[in-house]
Amino acid sequence: MTNNMNYVAVNYISCKEDYKERFEELFATRKGAIDKMPGFQNMSVLKPQDGESEYLIVSYWESEENFKAWTKSKAFIDGHKRGFEDLRKAKEEGREAPMTSNFKTYEIISR
């Protein structure tokens, strides 16, 4: 490949209806810690148009190693702290999680 974006991580997020506004707020007010991580290239947060599908968080990285370093970093924990707190609070109150997450990763083979 001629550029440095070789690795893509996609987080598929399903939100309860009453959590969607909060979820969008979390991204609208994010601190941007990921933006400073080595190997990070770009990120998009995609909102479903049908109102029912999953949100997609798509991040582009130079390598799998860069992405894995992000997921193990203090910046990752800090960047997800508010969402993790929402999950903890729901569990503590005996409620279902307001959102679920499913990560998949990809290697770019063509553009």
Protein backbone atom coordinates (compact mmCIF):
# COMPACT_ATOMS: atom_id res chain seq x y z
CA MET A 1 0.00 0.00 0.00
CA THR A 2 1.13 3.50 -0.68
CA ASN A 3 -0.28 5.17 2.41
CA ASN A 4 -0.10 4.39 6.11
CA MET A 5 -3.74 3.45 6.80
CA ASN A 6 -3.60 -0.33 6.86
CA TYR A 7 -5.84 -1.29 9.76
CA VAL A 8 -9.45 -0.46 10.56
CA ALA A 9 -11.37 -1.05 13.79
CA VAL A 10 -15.16 -0.90 13.69
CA ASN A 11 -17.16 -0.78 16.88
CA TYR A 12 -20.82 -1.71 16.37
CA ILE A 13 -22.84 -0.01 19.12
CA SER A 14 -26.47 -0.86 19.87
CA CYS A 15 -28.22 1.64 22.15
CA LYS A 16 -31.50 1.44 23.99
CA GLU A 17 -33.88 4.06 22.61
CA ASP A 18 -33.68 6.19 25.77
CA TYR A 19 -29.85 6.17 25.65
CA LYS A 20 -29.28 7.34 22.06
CA GLU A 21 -29.24 11.04 22.92
CA ARG A 22 -26.74 10.43 25.73
CA PHE A 23 -24.56 8.29 23.45
CA GLU A 24 -24.43 11.04 20.85
CA GLU A 25 -23.63 13.58 23.57
CA LEU A 26 -20.67 11.48 24.71
CA PHE A 27 -19.13 11.69 21.24
CA ALA A 28 -20.04 15.35 20.73
CA THR A 29 -18.14 16.24 23.91
CA ARG A 30 -15.27 13.76 23.64
CA LYS A 31 -11.80 14.85 24.75
CA GLY A 32 -10.06 13.62 21.60
CA ALA A 33 -7.47 11.50 23.39
CA ILE A 34 -7.45 9.03 20.50
CA ASP A 35 -6.35 11.81 18.16
CA LYS A 36 -2.94 11.99 19.84
CA MET A 37 -2.23 8.25 19.82
CA PRO A 38 0.70 6.97 17.74
CA GLY A 39 -0.53 5.46 14.49
CA PHE A 40 -4.03 6.93 14.71
CA GLN A 41 -5.20 8.30 11.37
CA ASN A 42 -8.90 9.11 11.44
CA MET A 43 -12.24 8.28 13.06
CA SER A 44 -15.87 8.54 11.99
CA VAL A 45 -18.96 8.08 14.13
CA LEU A 46 -21.85 6.96 11.93
CA LYS A 47 -25.47 7.34 13.00
CA PRO A 48 -28.00 4.90 11.55
CA GLN A 49 -30.55 6.50 9.27
CA ASP A 50 -33.27 3.94 9.93
CA GLY A 51 -33.28 4.72 13.65
CA GLU A 52 -32.88 1.06 14.58
CA SER A 53 -29.50 -0.15 13.31
CA GLU A 54 -26.25 0.09 15.16
CA TYR A 55 -24.04 3.13 15.38
CA LEU A 56 -20.65 2.50 13.81
CA ILE A 57 -17.41 3.90 15.19
CA VAL A 58 -14.80 3.47 12.46
CA SER A 59 -11.17 4.22 13.26
CA TYR A 60 -8.19 3.99 10.91
CA TRP A 61 -4.73 3.04 12.11
CA GLU A 62 -1.26 2.52 10.69
CA SER A 63 -1.13 -0.94 12.26
CA GLU A 64 -2.85 -3.45 14.50
CA GLU A 65 -0.15 -2.80 17.09
CA ASN A 66 -1.06 0.90 17.21
CA PHE A 67 -4.72 0.06 17.70
CA LYS A 68 -4.01 -2.50 20.43
CA ALA A 69 -1.78 0.01 22.21
CA TRP A 70 -4.70 2.46 22.22
CA THR A 71 -7.07 -0.09 23.77
CA LYS A 72 -4.58 -0.73 26.59
CA SER A 73 -3.72 2.90 27.25
CA LYS A 74 -4.72 5.25 30.06
CA ALA A 75 -6.06 7.55 27.36
CA PHE A 76 -8.50 4.80 26.28
CA ILE A 77 -9.76 4.36 29.85
CA ASP A 78 -10.08 8.13 30.29
CA GLY A 79 -11.81 8.51 26.93
CA HIS A 80 -14.41 5.88 27.76
CA LYS A 81 -14.83 6.72 31.45
CA ARG A 82 -18.26 8.36 31.13
CA GLY A 83 -19.72 5.51 29.08
CA PHE A 84 -18.22 2.91 31.41
CA GLU A 85 -19.76 4.80 34.34
CA ASP A 86 -23.20 4.67 32.65
CA LEU A 87 -22.82 0.89 32.26
CA ARG A 88 -21.71 0.47 35.87
CA LYS A 89 -24.62 2.53 37.16
CA ALA A 90 -27.19 0.53 35.15
CA LYS A 91 -25.76 -2.74 36.48
CA GLU A 92 -25.71 -1.42 40.04
CA GLU A 93 -29.40 -0.44 39.69
CA GLY A 94 -30.31 -3.84 38.27
CA ARG A 95 -31.13 -2.46 34.81
CA GLU A 96 -30.05 -3.77 31.43
CA ALA A 97 -26.99 -2.12 29.92
CA PRO A 98 -28.05 1.00 27.97
CA MET A 99 -25.70 0.01 25.14
CA THR A 100 -23.76 -2.96 23.86
CA SER A 101 -20.57 -2.98 21.86
CA ASN A 102 -19.11 -5.42 19.36
CA PHE A 103 -15.63 -4.74 17.93
CA LYS A 104 -14.45 -6.11 14.61
CA THR A 105 -11.14 -5.33 12.96
CA TYR A 106 -10.13 -5.30 9.33
CA GLU A 107 -7.07 -5.05 7.15
CA ILE A 108 -7.43 -2.78 4.13
CA ILE A 109 -6.64 -4.73 0.97
CA SER A 110 -7.97 -2.32 -1.66
CA ARG A 111 -9.08 1.28 -2.10
